[in-house]
Amino acid sequence: MTTITAERDALYDRLIVERARAPLYAGRLDEPDLQGDGRNPLCGDKTHLDIALNGHHIRDIRHQTRGCAICTAAADLMVEHVRGGTVAQAVEMSERFRAMLVGPSPVVEGQSAPLGALEVFAPLRSHKARIRCAELPWIALKEAFSHVDG
């Protein structure tokens, strides 16, 4: 296998392909408390989030994503990881996800904080043009949370 083929295959890990083809958290909520949108005008990717809160806890969240496999899978895995947590935890996870893609790995209490299945996007570090695809759902999440007090 050539280096170029190996790098391309790393971008499209089995989990990314599976979640892009059959997202588990796609759809709308009947009565969301918050909504957020992320758009990339350069490639046309779009993500819409519906979020139901219970205080500052994310009771439920769904996404509607029209985009590439990376964007769709990123939205679905993001939803899976922030659902049930707090708004603050989701914001902190967003920062760690971005740091994994573009910056030094964050350190929490002397150790790197694991991102679980979200680490499947780590190979994007060497594919700068595709980072925005994985970040778009997180941008929509931050936009939705910009309407939360405290």
Protein backbone atom coordinates (compact mmCIF):
# COMPACT_ATOMS: atom_id res chain seq x y z
CA MET A 1 0.00 0.00 0.00
CA THR A 2 1.39 3.41 -0.93
CA THR A 3 1.73 6.21 1.60
CA ILE A 4 -0.94 8.26 -0.19
CA THR A 5 -3.39 5.34 -0.10
CA ALA A 6 -2.67 4.70 3.59
CA GLU A 7 -3.29 8.38 4.42
CA ARG A 8 -6.56 8.41 2.46
CA ASP A 9 -7.72 5.21 4.14
CA ALA A 10 -6.90 6.67 7.56
CA LEU A 11 -9.29 9.52 6.77
CA TYR A 12 -12.09 7.09 6.10
CA ASP A 13 -11.84 4.75 9.07
CA ARG A 14 -14.53 2.06 9.27
CA LEU A 15 -16.37 3.96 12.03
CA ILE A 16 -16.46 7.15 9.95
CA VAL A 17 -17.88 5.30 6.96
CA GLU A 18 -20.48 3.47 9.10
CA ARG A 19 -21.69 6.63 10.83
CA ALA A 20 -21.81 8.56 7.58
CA ARG A 21 -23.91 5.87 5.90
CA ALA A 22 -26.22 5.18 8.86
CA PRO A 23 -26.09 7.91 11.52
CA LEU A 24 -27.61 6.88 14.85
CA TYR A 25 -28.59 10.37 16.00
CA ALA A 26 -29.85 12.03 12.83
CA GLY A 27 -33.23 13.73 12.88
CA ARG A 28 -35.13 16.49 14.61
CA LEU A 29 -36.58 16.97 18.08
CA ASP A 30 -40.23 18.00 18.39
CA GLU A 31 -39.62 20.81 20.87
CA PRO A 32 -35.93 21.72 21.14
CA ASP A 33 -34.79 24.24 23.74
CA LEU A 34 -31.84 25.27 21.59
CA GLN A 35 -30.88 25.11 17.95
CA GLY A 36 -27.56 25.69 16.28
CA ASP A 37 -26.30 25.77 12.73
CA GLY A 38 -22.93 25.34 11.14
CA ARG A 39 -22.24 26.02 7.48
CA ASN A 40 -19.15 25.79 5.35
CA PRO A 41 -19.75 27.96 2.28
CA LEU A 42 -16.59 26.64 0.61
CA CYS A 43 -17.81 23.05 0.30
CA GLY A 44 -21.53 23.32 1.07
CA ASP A 45 -21.52 21.19 4.26
CA LYS A 46 -24.33 22.08 6.68
CA THR A 47 -25.20 20.85 10.16
CA HIS A 48 -28.33 21.75 12.14
CA LEU A 49 -28.68 20.74 15.79
CA ASP A 50 -31.80 20.43 17.95
CA ILE A 51 -31.03 20.29 21.67
CA ALA A 52 -33.34 19.55 24.59
CA LEU A 53 -32.06 20.63 27.99
CA ASN A 54 -32.93 19.72 31.54
CA GLY A 55 -31.37 22.64 33.39
CA HIS A 56 -27.79 22.66 32.10
CA HIS A 57 -27.85 18.97 31.15
CA ILE A 58 -28.25 17.86 27.55
CA ARG A 59 -31.30 15.62 27.79
CA ASP A 60 -31.42 14.91 24.07
CA ILE A 61 -29.75 16.13 20.91
CA ARG A 62 -30.20 15.35 17.22
CA HIS A 63 -28.48 16.54 14.07
CA GLN A 64 -29.40 17.07 10.46
CA THR A 65 -26.23 17.06 8.40
CA ARG A 66 -25.79 17.46 4.69
CA GLY A 67 -22.17 17.03 3.93
CA CYS A 68 -19.26 14.74 3.35
CA ALA A 69 -18.67 11.50 5.23
CA ILE A 70 -16.34 13.19 7.71
CA CYS A 71 -18.85 15.93 8.57
CA THR A 72 -21.77 13.52 8.93
CA ALA A 73 -19.80 11.07 11.06
CA ALA A 74 -18.39 13.91 13.18
CA ALA A 75 -21.90 15.20 13.87
CA ASP A 76 -23.18 11.76 14.85
CA LEU A 77 -20.23 10.94 17.11
CA MET A 78 -20.34 14.39 18.69
CA VAL A 79 -24.02 13.92 19.55
CA GLU A 80 -23.28 10.51 21.05
CA HIS A 81 -20.52 11.94 23.25
CA VAL A 82 -22.25 15.08 24.55
CA ARG A 83 -25.72 13.59 25.08
CA GLY A 84 -26.46 13.23 28.79
CA GLY A 85 -23.62 15.53 29.85
CA THR A 86 -23.68 19.16 30.86
CA VAL A 87 -23.30 22.17 28.62
CA ALA A 88 -19.96 22.92 30.32
CA GLN A 89 -18.72 19.37 29.67
CA ALA A 90 -19.72 19.63 26.01
CA VAL A 91 -17.89 22.95 25.62
CA GLU A 92 -14.79 21.48 27.26
CA MET A 93 -14.97 18.43 24.98
CA SER A 94 -15.24 20.74 22.00
CA GLU A 95 -12.03 22.47 23.04
CA ARG A 96 -10.23 19.14 23.47
CA PHE A 97 -11.48 17.95 20.08
CA ARG A 98 -10.18 21.09 18.38
CA ALA A 99 -6.85 20.79 20.19
CA MET A 100 -6.55 17.20 18.97
CA LEU A 101 -6.95 18.43 15.39
CA VAL A 102 -4.91 21.62 15.36
CA GLY A 103 -2.96 22.12 18.55
CA PRO A 104 -1.04 20.46 21.29
CA SER A 105 -2.91 17.76 23.16
CA PRO A 106 -4.66 19.20 26.22
CA VAL A 107 -3.62 17.98 29.65
CA VAL A 108 -6.13 17.40 32.42
CA GLU A 109 -4.70 16.67 35.86
CA GLY A 110 -1.38 15.63 34.38
CA GLN A 111 -2.79 13.25 31.76
CA SER A 112 -4.34 13.66 28.34
CA ALA A 113 -8.12 13.57 28.49
CA PRO A 114 -9.36 10.75 26.24
CA LEU A 115 -11.91 11.54 23.57
CA GLY A 116 -12.90 7.94 22.95
CA ALA A 117 -14.30 7.24 19.50
CA LEU A 118 -13.81 10.90 18.55
CA GLU A 119 -10.09 10.13 18.28
CA VAL A 120 -10.88 8.47 14.95
CA PHE A 121 -10.58 12.00 13.51
CA ALA A 122 -6.96 12.48 14.71
CA PRO A 123 -5.50 11.66 11.24
CA LEU A 124 -7.08 14.89 9.99
CA ARG A 125 -4.15 16.72 11.62
CA SER A 126 -2.20 15.98 8.46
CA HIS A 127 -5.12 16.90 6.16
CA LYS A 128 -5.68 20.55 7.04
CA ALA A 129 -8.34 21.07 4.36
CA ARG A 130 -10.58 18.43 6.00
CA ILE A 131 -10.37 19.72 9.58
CA ARG A 132 -13.26 22.13 8.99
CA CYS A 133 -15.43 19.14 7.99
CA ALA A 134 -14.98 17.55 11.42
CA GLU A 135 -15.28 20.85 13.29
CA LEU A 136 -18.53 22.00 11.70
CA PRO A 137 -20.88 20.14 14.10
CA TRP A 138 -18.93 21.55 17.05
CA ILE A 139 -19.32 25.04 15.61
CA ALA A 140 -23.09 24.46 15.46
CA LEU A 141 -23.00 23.26 19.07
CA LYS A 142 -21.16 26.37 20.26
CA GLU A 143 -23.61 28.54 18.32
CA ALA A 144 -26.54 26.85 20.07
CA PHE A 145 -24.88 27.22 23.47
CA SER A 146 -24.27 30.93 22.88
CA HIS A 147 -27.95 31.32 23.87
CA VAL A 148 -27.52 29.61 27.27
CA ASP A 149 -27.18 31.73 30.40
CA GLY A 150 -24.32 30.82 32.73
